[in-house]
N, C-alpha and C. Protein backbone atom coordinates (compact mmCIF):
# COMPACT_ATOMS: atom_id res chain seq x y z
N ALA A 1 93.09 6.54 7.62
CA ALA A 1 92.18 5.56 8.23
C ALA A 1 91.07 6.26 8.96
N THR A 2 91.38 7.36 9.65
CA THR A 2 90.36 8.12 10.36
C THR A 2 89.41 8.76 9.36
N GLU A 3 90.03 9.21 8.28
CA GLU A 3 89.20 9.83 7.24
C GLU A 3 88.22 8.82 6.66
N GLN A 4 88.73 7.62 6.45
CA GLN A 4 87.89 6.57 5.89
C GLN A 4 86.81 6.18 6.91
N ALA A 5 87.17 6.09 8.17
CA ALA A 5 86.20 5.75 9.22
C ALA A 5 85.14 6.84 9.31
N ALA A 6 85.57 8.12 9.20
CA ALA A 6 84.61 9.23 9.23
C ALA A 6 83.70 9.16 8.02
N ALA A 7 84.24 8.81 6.87
CA ALA A 7 83.44 8.71 5.64
C ALA A 7 82.44 7.57 5.76
N GLU A 8 82.91 6.45 6.32
CA GLU A 8 82.00 5.29 6.50
C GLU A 8 80.90 5.63 7.49
N LYS A 9 81.30 6.35 8.58
CA LYS A 9 80.31 6.76 9.58
C LYS A 9 79.28 7.68 8.95
N ALA A 10 79.76 8.65 8.13
CA ALA A 10 78.85 9.58 7.44
C ALA A 10 77.94 8.82 6.48
N ALA A 11 78.49 7.81 5.80
CA ALA A 11 77.69 7.01 4.86
C ALA A 11 76.63 6.21 5.61
N VAL A 12 77.03 5.63 6.74
CA VAL A 12 76.08 4.86 7.56
C VAL A 12 74.98 5.79 8.09
N GLU A 13 75.37 6.99 8.58
CA GLU A 13 74.37 7.95 9.08
C GLU A 13 73.43 8.37 7.97
N LYS A 14 74.02 8.61 6.77
CA LYS A 14 73.19 9.01 5.62
C LYS A 14 72.21 7.90 5.28
N ALA A 15 72.69 6.67 5.27
CA ALA A 15 71.83 5.52 4.96
C ALA A 15 70.75 5.36 6.04
N ALA A 16 71.12 5.59 7.30
CA ALA A 16 70.16 5.48 8.40
C ALA A 16 69.08 6.56 8.28
N ARG A 17 69.51 7.80 7.92
CA ARG A 17 68.52 8.88 7.73
C ARG A 17 67.58 8.56 6.56
N ALA A 18 68.15 8.01 5.50
CA ALA A 18 67.33 7.64 4.33
C ALA A 18 66.33 6.55 4.72
N GLU A 19 66.81 5.57 5.48
CA GLU A 19 65.94 4.48 5.94
C GLU A 19 64.84 5.03 6.86
N ALA A 20 65.21 5.98 7.75
CA ALA A 20 64.23 6.59 8.66
C ALA A 20 63.18 7.36 7.86
N ARG A 21 63.63 8.11 6.82
CA ARG A 21 62.68 8.83 5.96
C ARG A 21 61.76 7.85 5.25
N SER A 22 62.33 6.77 4.78
CA SER A 22 61.54 5.75 4.08
C SER A 22 60.49 5.15 5.02
N LEU A 23 60.92 4.85 6.27
CA LEU A 23 59.97 4.31 7.25
C LEU A 23 58.90 5.33 7.60
N ASP A 24 59.28 6.61 7.77
CA ASP A 24 58.30 7.66 8.03
C ASP A 24 57.28 7.73 6.89
N HIS A 25 57.79 7.66 5.67
CA HIS A 25 56.91 7.72 4.49
C HIS A 25 55.95 6.51 4.49
N THR A 26 56.48 5.33 4.80
CA THR A 26 55.66 4.11 4.84
C THR A 26 54.59 4.21 5.93
N ILE A 27 55.00 4.71 7.10
CA ILE A 27 54.05 4.88 8.21
C ILE A 27 52.97 5.88 7.82
N GLU A 28 53.36 7.00 7.23
CA GLU A 28 52.39 8.03 6.82
C GLU A 28 51.43 7.46 5.77
N HIS A 29 51.98 6.69 4.83
CA HIS A 29 51.15 6.06 3.79
C HIS A 29 50.15 5.09 4.43
N ALA A 30 50.61 4.29 5.39
CA ALA A 30 49.75 3.33 6.08
C ALA A 30 48.65 4.06 6.87
N ARG A 31 49.02 5.16 7.53
CA ARG A 31 48.02 5.96 8.26
C ARG A 31 46.95 6.50 7.32
N ALA A 32 47.40 7.07 6.18
CA ALA A 32 46.46 7.63 5.21
C ALA A 32 45.53 6.54 4.67
N GLU A 33 46.09 5.37 4.40
CA GLU A 33 45.30 4.25 3.90
C GLU A 33 44.27 3.80 4.95
N ALA A 34 44.71 3.71 6.19
CA ALA A 34 43.80 3.30 7.28
C ALA A 34 42.69 4.34 7.46
N ALA A 35 43.05 5.62 7.38
CA ALA A 35 42.03 6.66 7.51
C ALA A 35 41.02 6.58 6.36
N ALA A 36 41.51 6.32 5.14
CA ALA A 36 40.60 6.20 4.00
C ALA A 36 39.68 4.99 4.16
N LYS A 37 40.24 3.88 4.64
CA LYS A 37 39.41 2.68 4.85
C LYS A 37 38.37 2.93 5.94
N LEU A 38 38.77 3.61 7.02
CA LEU A 38 37.84 3.92 8.10
C LEU A 38 36.72 4.83 7.59
N SER A 39 37.10 5.83 6.81
CA SER A 39 36.10 6.75 6.25
C SER A 39 35.13 5.99 5.35
N ALA A 40 35.67 5.11 4.51
CA ALA A 40 34.80 4.32 3.61
C ALA A 40 33.89 3.41 4.42
N ALA A 41 34.42 2.81 5.49
CA ALA A 41 33.61 1.92 6.33
C ALA A 41 32.49 2.71 7.01
N ARG A 42 32.83 3.91 7.50
CA ARG A 42 31.80 4.74 8.15
C ARG A 42 30.74 5.15 7.14
N GLN A 43 31.17 5.51 5.93
CA GLN A 43 30.21 5.90 4.90
C GLN A 43 29.30 4.73 4.55
N GLU A 44 29.87 3.53 4.44
CA GLU A 44 29.07 2.34 4.15
C GLU A 44 28.09 2.06 5.29
N GLU A 45 28.56 2.25 6.53
CA GLU A 45 27.70 2.06 7.69
C GLU A 45 26.53 3.04 7.66
N ARG A 46 26.82 4.31 7.33
CA ARG A 46 25.74 5.30 7.24
C ARG A 46 24.76 4.94 6.13
N LEU A 47 25.29 4.46 5.00
CA LEU A 47 24.43 4.05 3.89
C LEU A 47 23.53 2.89 4.31
N GLN A 48 24.11 1.88 4.97
CA GLN A 48 23.33 0.72 5.42
C GLN A 48 22.26 1.14 6.43
N LEU A 49 22.65 2.03 7.34
CA LEU A 49 21.70 2.53 8.34
C LEU A 49 20.56 3.26 7.65
N GLY A 50 20.91 4.07 6.65
CA GLY A 50 19.88 4.79 5.88
C GLY A 50 18.93 3.83 5.18
N LEU A 51 19.48 2.77 4.60
CA LEU A 51 18.64 1.77 3.93
C LEU A 51 17.74 1.06 4.92
N GLN A 52 18.29 0.73 6.10
CA GLN A 52 17.48 0.07 7.13
C GLN A 52 16.36 0.99 7.59
N MET A 53 16.67 2.27 7.79
CA MET A 53 15.64 3.22 8.22
C MET A 53 14.56 3.34 7.14
N GLN A 54 14.96 3.36 5.88
CA GLN A 54 14.00 3.44 4.78
C GLN A 54 13.08 2.22 4.80
N LYS A 55 13.66 1.03 5.00
CA LYS A 55 12.85 -0.20 5.07
C LYS A 55 11.87 -0.12 6.23
N ILE A 56 12.36 0.37 7.38
CA ILE A 56 11.50 0.50 8.55
C ILE A 56 10.34 1.45 8.25
N ARG A 57 10.65 2.59 7.59
CA ARG A 57 9.58 3.54 7.24
C ARG A 57 8.57 2.90 6.29
N GLU A 58 9.08 2.14 5.30
CA GLU A 58 8.18 1.49 4.35
C GLU A 58 7.28 0.48 5.06
N ILE A 59 7.86 -0.30 5.97
CA ILE A 59 7.07 -1.30 6.71
C ILE A 59 6.03 -0.59 7.58
N LYS A 60 6.45 0.50 8.26
CA LYS A 60 5.53 1.25 9.12
C LYS A 60 4.39 1.82 8.29
N ASN A 61 4.73 2.42 7.13
CA ASN A 61 3.69 2.99 6.28
C ASN A 61 2.73 1.92 5.76
N ALA A 62 3.28 0.77 5.38
CA ALA A 62 2.43 -0.33 4.90
C ALA A 62 1.53 -0.83 6.03
N THR A 63 2.07 -0.91 7.24
CA THR A 63 1.28 -1.36 8.39
C THR A 63 0.16 -0.37 8.69
N VAL A 64 0.50 0.91 8.70
CA VAL A 64 -0.51 1.94 8.96
C VAL A 64 -1.59 1.88 7.89
N SER A 65 -1.17 1.72 6.64
CA SER A 65 -2.12 1.64 5.53
C SER A 65 -3.05 0.42 5.69
N ALA A 66 -2.45 -0.71 6.04
CA ALA A 66 -3.25 -1.93 6.21
C ALA A 66 -4.24 -1.78 7.36
N VAL A 67 -3.78 -1.20 8.46
CA VAL A 67 -4.67 -0.98 9.61
C VAL A 67 -5.81 -0.03 9.22
N ALA A 68 -5.47 1.03 8.49
CA ALA A 68 -6.50 1.99 8.06
C ALA A 68 -7.52 1.31 7.15
N LYS A 69 -7.04 0.47 6.22
CA LYS A 69 -7.97 -0.24 5.32
C LYS A 69 -8.87 -1.18 6.12
N THR A 70 -8.28 -1.87 7.10
CA THR A 70 -9.06 -2.78 7.94
C THR A 70 -10.13 -2.01 8.71
N LEU A 71 -9.71 -0.88 9.29
CA LEU A 71 -10.67 -0.06 10.05
C LEU A 71 -11.77 0.47 9.13
N ASP A 72 -11.39 0.91 7.92
CA ASP A 72 -12.39 1.39 6.97
C ASP A 72 -13.39 0.27 6.64
N ALA A 73 -12.86 -0.93 6.41
CA ALA A 73 -13.73 -2.06 6.08
C ALA A 73 -14.64 -2.40 7.27
N GLU A 74 -14.09 -2.38 8.47
CA GLU A 74 -14.89 -2.68 9.66
C GLU A 74 -15.95 -1.60 9.87
N THR A 75 -15.59 -0.35 9.63
CA THR A 75 -16.55 0.74 9.78
C THR A 75 -17.68 0.59 8.77
N GLU A 76 -17.32 0.27 7.54
CA GLU A 76 -18.34 0.08 6.49
C GLU A 76 -19.25 -1.09 6.85
N GLN A 77 -18.67 -2.18 7.35
CA GLN A 77 -19.48 -3.34 7.75
C GLN A 77 -20.40 -2.96 8.91
N ALA A 78 -19.89 -2.19 9.86
CA ALA A 78 -20.72 -1.76 11.00
C ALA A 78 -21.87 -0.89 10.50
N ARG A 79 -21.61 -0.02 9.50
CA ARG A 79 -22.69 0.80 8.92
C ARG A 79 -23.76 -0.08 8.29
N ARG A 80 -23.28 -1.07 7.51
CA ARG A 80 -24.24 -1.98 6.85
C ARG A 80 -25.06 -2.75 7.89
N ASP A 81 -24.37 -3.24 8.93
CA ASP A 81 -25.06 -3.98 9.99
C ASP A 81 -26.11 -3.10 10.68
N ALA A 82 -25.73 -1.85 10.96
CA ALA A 82 -26.66 -0.94 11.63
C ALA A 82 -27.86 -0.65 10.72
N ALA A 83 -27.62 -0.46 9.43
CA ALA A 83 -28.71 -0.21 8.48
C ALA A 83 -29.64 -1.43 8.42
N ALA A 84 -29.04 -2.62 8.42
CA ALA A 84 -29.86 -3.84 8.38
C ALA A 84 -30.69 -3.97 9.66
N ARG A 85 -30.07 -3.65 10.82
CA ARG A 85 -30.84 -3.71 12.08
C ARG A 85 -31.99 -2.71 12.07
N ARG A 86 -31.73 -1.49 11.55
CA ARG A 86 -32.82 -0.48 11.49
C ARG A 86 -33.94 -0.97 10.58
N LEU A 87 -33.57 -1.57 9.45
CA LEU A 87 -34.58 -2.08 8.53
C LEU A 87 -35.39 -3.20 9.18
N LEU A 88 -34.71 -4.10 9.87
CA LEU A 88 -35.41 -5.19 10.57
C LEU A 88 -36.34 -4.62 11.65
N ALA A 89 -35.87 -3.62 12.38
CA ALA A 89 -36.68 -3.01 13.43
C ALA A 89 -37.92 -2.36 12.82
N LYS A 90 -37.77 -1.67 11.68
CA LYS A 90 -38.92 -1.05 11.01
C LYS A 90 -39.91 -2.11 10.55
N GLU A 91 -39.37 -3.19 9.98
CA GLU A 91 -40.26 -4.28 9.53
C GLU A 91 -41.00 -4.89 10.71
N GLU A 92 -40.29 -5.09 11.83
CA GLU A 92 -40.92 -5.66 13.03
C GLU A 92 -42.01 -4.71 13.55
N GLU A 93 -41.71 -3.41 13.58
CA GLU A 93 -42.69 -2.41 14.03
C GLU A 93 -43.92 -2.43 13.12
N ARG A 94 -43.68 -2.50 11.81
CA ARG A 94 -44.80 -2.53 10.84
C ARG A 94 -45.64 -3.81 11.04
N ARG A 95 -44.95 -4.94 11.27
CA ARG A 95 -45.67 -6.20 11.50
C ARG A 95 -46.55 -6.09 12.75
N LYS A 96 -45.98 -5.49 13.83
CA LYS A 96 -46.76 -5.31 15.06
C LYS A 96 -47.96 -4.41 14.82
N GLN A 97 -47.75 -3.34 14.04
CA GLN A 97 -48.86 -2.43 13.75
C GLN A 97 -49.95 -3.14 12.95
N LEU A 98 -49.52 -3.96 11.97
CA LEU A 98 -50.50 -4.70 11.17
C LEU A 98 -51.27 -5.69 12.05
N GLU A 99 -50.57 -6.39 12.96
CA GLU A 99 -51.25 -7.32 13.87
C GLU A 99 -52.24 -6.57 14.76
N HIS A 100 -51.81 -5.41 15.25
CA HIS A 100 -52.66 -4.60 16.12
C HIS A 100 -53.92 -4.15 15.35
N ALA A 101 -53.70 -3.70 14.11
CA ALA A 101 -54.83 -3.26 13.28
C ALA A 101 -55.77 -4.42 13.00
N LYS A 102 -55.21 -5.60 12.75
CA LYS A 102 -56.03 -6.78 12.49
C LYS A 102 -56.88 -7.13 13.72
N LYS A 103 -56.25 -7.05 14.92
CA LYS A 103 -56.99 -7.33 16.15
C LYS A 103 -58.10 -6.31 16.35
N LEU A 104 -57.78 -5.03 16.08
CA LEU A 104 -58.82 -3.99 16.23
C LEU A 104 -59.99 -4.27 15.28
N ARG A 105 -59.69 -4.65 14.02
CA ARG A 105 -60.76 -4.96 13.06
C ARG A 105 -61.60 -6.14 13.56
N GLU A 106 -60.93 -7.15 14.11
CA GLU A 106 -61.67 -8.31 14.64
C GLU A 106 -62.57 -7.89 15.79
N ILE A 107 -62.02 -7.03 16.68
CA ILE A 107 -62.82 -6.57 17.83
C ILE A 107 -64.03 -5.79 17.34
N LYS A 108 -63.80 -4.89 16.35
CA LYS A 108 -64.93 -4.11 15.81
C LYS A 108 -65.94 -5.03 15.13
N LYS A 109 -65.42 -6.02 14.38
CA LYS A 109 -66.31 -6.94 13.68
C LYS A 109 -67.13 -7.74 14.69
N ASN A 110 -66.46 -8.20 15.76
CA ASN A 110 -67.18 -8.95 16.79
C ASN A 110 -68.21 -8.06 17.50
N ALA A 111 -67.83 -6.81 17.75
CA ALA A 111 -68.77 -5.90 18.42
C ALA A 111 -69.94 -5.58 17.52
N ALA A 112 -69.72 -5.47 16.23
CA ALA A 112 -70.80 -5.15 15.28
C ALA A 112 -71.73 -6.35 15.13
N SER A 113 -71.19 -7.54 15.22
CA SER A 113 -72.04 -8.72 15.00
C SER A 113 -72.90 -9.05 16.24
N ARG A 114 -72.65 -8.45 17.39
CA ARG A 114 -73.41 -8.75 18.60
C ARG A 114 -74.72 -8.09 18.60
């Protein structure tokens, strides 16, 4: 009876050790799976962050480009406006000179007729 009790005790201990090994294996497998999922999540997060940064760079570059085009257009318009003002000023100066010359001719004509 003692022999049988010792055999049963040994069998129970053996079964308990096997169950403990099985649980250790399950825990280790779960840890490895969790680590793999965490790594994949971090990699996905880095990928998403990279894509967001790329979008931000594209938007910034497009904005800079649009601002530069606007400034170029405004500069060109300012050049045209300045050229038009210079042309108008020259025409006004020429008109004044012609009026002055006309008045001088009239004065000379009036002086000659006296």
